[in-house]
Structures are given as C-alpha cells and as structure tokens.
Amino acid sequence: MAAPIIVSAVFAPADFQWFDAQRRAHFPPERNRLGAHLTLFHHLPPSSEAELRRRLVEVCKVSPPRARIAGLVSLGRGVA
C-alpha cells in the first residue's frame, strides 16, 4: 500500500533560518527530528498524485504570497 502524500511549503533561506532557530529553542528536543517546515496537506490519498502534480505546477507559476506571523497556537503535537 502506498503512503499518503504530504505537501509542504518552501521557506526563503532567511525565513527558514529564523523558523528553525525558534523550533530548536522551543520545541521538545526528543521530538525535534526535522527542520522547521510548513505542512499544507498531511494525508492526501496516493490516488490523487497526478492531479496534485498538475495543480501544484499551475499554482507555482505565480509569485509566492507574502505572509506574516499573526500568532502561534499549540496543537499539542505541533504548532500552528
């Protein structure tokens, strides 16, 4: 059985460095197994791969949106 598909956003290098430093400083070390990341979708069915690739190609043709942090919320197993 194929694993579910996970889609994550890519940070600009300076933003990644800041987010990753915050993650290392505030996330429990025993659960800090990967660098800072922004998961957009975490459990898409493998059967959606072809459509997902098509749609991501289209969406990624435009400039990335500007974003800012307005607040943080603990999700118990992560932070939003």
C-alpha atoms as a PDB file:
ATOM      1  CA  MET A   1       0.000   0.000   0.000  1.00  0.00           C
ATOM      2  CA  ALA A   2       1.339   3.436  -0.949  1.00  0.00           C
ATOM      3  CA  ALA A   3       1.980   6.024   1.758  1.00  0.00           C
ATOM      4  CA  PRO A   4      -0.198   9.145   1.970  1.00  0.00           C
ATOM      5  CA  ILE A   5       1.087  12.280   0.233  1.00  0.00           C
ATOM      6  CA  ILE A   6       2.414  15.199   2.304  1.00  0.00           C
ATOM      7  CA  VAL A   7       2.700  18.669   0.736  1.00  0.00           C
ATOM      8  CA  SER A   8       4.905  21.283   2.415  1.00  0.00           C
ATOM      9  CA  ALA A   9       5.729  24.884   1.559  1.00  0.00           C
ATOM     10  CA  VAL A  10       9.316  26.023   0.986  1.00  0.00           C
ATOM     11  CA  PHE A  11      10.651  28.937   3.042  1.00  0.00           C
ATOM     12  CA  ALA A  12      13.095  31.543   1.778  1.00  0.00           C
ATOM     13  CA  PRO A  13      16.542  30.786   3.301  1.00  0.00           C
ATOM     14  CA  ALA A  14      16.497  33.654   5.835  1.00  0.00           C
ATOM     15  CA  ASP A  15      12.966  32.766   6.938  1.00  0.00           C
ATOM     16  CA  PHE A  16      13.909  29.097   7.282  1.00  0.00           C
ATOM     17  CA  GLN A  17      16.888  30.005   9.481  1.00  0.00           C
ATOM     18  CA  TRP A  18      14.676  32.075  11.805  1.00  0.00           C
ATOM     19  CA  PHE A  19      11.901  29.449  11.995  1.00  0.00           C
ATOM     20  CA  ASP A  20      14.396  26.649  12.533  1.00  0.00           C
ATOM     21  CA  ALA A  21      16.130  28.551  15.344  1.00  0.00           C
ATOM     22  CA  GLN A  22      12.731  29.065  17.016  1.00  0.00           C
ATOM     23  CA  ARG A  23      11.939  25.378  16.601  1.00  0.00           C
ATOM     24  CA  ARG A  24      15.232  24.317  18.176  1.00  0.00           C
ATOM     25  CA  ALA A  25      14.758  26.789  21.043  1.00  0.00           C
ATOM     26  CA  HIS A  26      11.137  25.960  21.868  1.00  0.00           C
ATOM     27  CA  PHE A  27      10.232  22.524  20.534  1.00  0.00           C
ATOM     28  CA  PRO A  28      10.942  19.478  22.743  1.00  0.00           C
ATOM     29  CA  PRO A  29      14.364  18.098  21.697  1.00  0.00           C
ATOM     30  CA  GLU A  30      13.136  14.485  21.685  1.00  0.00           C
ATOM     31  CA  ARG A  31      10.510  15.426  19.068  1.00  0.00           C
ATOM     32  CA  ASN A  32      12.698  17.779  17.047  1.00  0.00           C
ATOM     33  CA  ARG A  33      13.625  15.297  14.309  1.00  0.00           C
ATOM     34  CA  LEU A  34      13.373  17.576  11.275  1.00  0.00           C
ATOM     35  CA  GLY A  35      13.902  21.196  10.423  1.00  0.00           C
ATOM     36  CA  ALA A  36      11.232  23.873  10.517  1.00  0.00           C
ATOM     37  CA  HIS A  37       8.512  23.233   7.967  1.00  0.00           C
ATOM     38  CA  LEU A  38       5.042  24.312   6.944  1.00  0.00           C
ATOM     39  CA  THR A  39       2.778  21.383   6.139  1.00  0.00           C
ATOM     40  CA  LEU A  40      -0.028  22.373   3.795  1.00  0.00           C
ATOM     41  CA  PHE A  41      -1.577  18.910   3.423  1.00  0.00           C
ATOM     42  CA  HIS A  42      -0.561  15.914   5.506  1.00  0.00           C
ATOM     43  CA  HIS A  43      -2.629  12.959   4.378  1.00  0.00           C
ATOM     44  CA  LEU A  44      -3.672  13.136   0.730  1.00  0.00           C
ATOM     45  CA  PRO A  45      -4.520   9.818  -0.923  1.00  0.00           C
ATOM     46  CA  PRO A  46      -1.857   8.406  -3.257  1.00  0.00           C
ATOM     47  CA  SER A  47      -4.521   8.160  -5.950  1.00  0.00           C
ATOM     48  CA  SER A  48      -4.519  11.989  -6.154  1.00  0.00           C
ATOM     49  CA  GLU A  49      -0.847  12.228  -7.184  1.00  0.00           C
ATOM     50  CA  ALA A  50      -1.339  13.020 -10.887  1.00  0.00           C
ATOM     51  CA  GLU A  51      -3.977  15.680 -10.229  1.00  0.00           C
ATOM     52  CA  LEU A  52      -1.960  17.110  -7.347  1.00  0.00           C
ATOM     53  CA  ARG A  53       1.155  17.457  -9.530  1.00  0.00           C
ATOM     54  CA  ARG A  54      -0.881  19.213 -12.227  1.00  0.00           C
ATOM     55  CA  ARG A  55      -2.453  21.634  -9.769  1.00  0.00           C
ATOM     56  CA  LEU A  56       0.813  22.413  -7.960  1.00  0.00           C
ATOM     57  CA  VAL A  57       2.523  23.213 -11.266  1.00  0.00           C
ATOM     58  CA  GLU A  58      -0.261  25.708 -12.034  1.00  0.00           C
ATOM     59  CA  VAL A  59      -0.267  27.282  -8.560  1.00  0.00           C
ATOM     60  CA  CYS A  60       3.523  27.611  -8.519  1.00  0.00           C
ATOM     61  CA  LYS A  61       3.580  29.624 -11.757  1.00  0.00           C
ATOM     62  CA  VAL A  62       2.667  32.785  -9.820  1.00  0.00           C
ATOM     63  CA  SER A  63       4.809  34.657  -7.304  1.00  0.00           C
ATOM     64  CA  PRO A  64       4.652  33.291  -3.767  1.00  0.00           C
ATOM     65  CA  PRO A  65       2.246  35.150  -1.491  1.00  0.00           C
ATOM     66  CA  ARG A  66       3.563  37.485   1.172  1.00  0.00           C
ATOM     67  CA  ALA A  67       2.821  36.132   4.607  1.00  0.00           C
ATOM     68  CA  ARG A  68       3.327  37.187   8.188  1.00  0.00           C
ATOM     69  CA  ILE A  69       3.030  35.532  11.572  1.00  0.00           C
ATOM     70  CA  ALA A  70      -0.031  36.809  13.401  1.00  0.00           C
ATOM     71  CA  GLY A  71       0.212  34.417  16.343  1.00  0.00           C
ATOM     72  CA  LEU A  72       1.050  30.888  17.367  1.00  0.00           C
ATOM     73  CA  VAL A  73      -1.248  28.166  18.631  1.00  0.00           C
ATOM     74  CA  SER A  74      -0.151  24.927  20.267  1.00  0.00           C
ATOM     75  CA  LEU A  75      -1.716  21.886  18.631  1.00  0.00           C
ATOM     76  CA  GLY A  76      -0.367  19.533  21.293  1.00  0.00           C
ATOM     77  CA  ARG A  77       1.854  17.668  18.826  1.00  0.00           C
ATOM     78  CA  GLY A  78       2.896  20.770  16.898  1.00  0.00           C
ATOM     79  CA  VAL A  79       2.376  24.488  16.499  1.00  0.00           C
ATOM     80  CA  ALA A  80       0.216  26.382  14.034  1.00  0.00           C
END
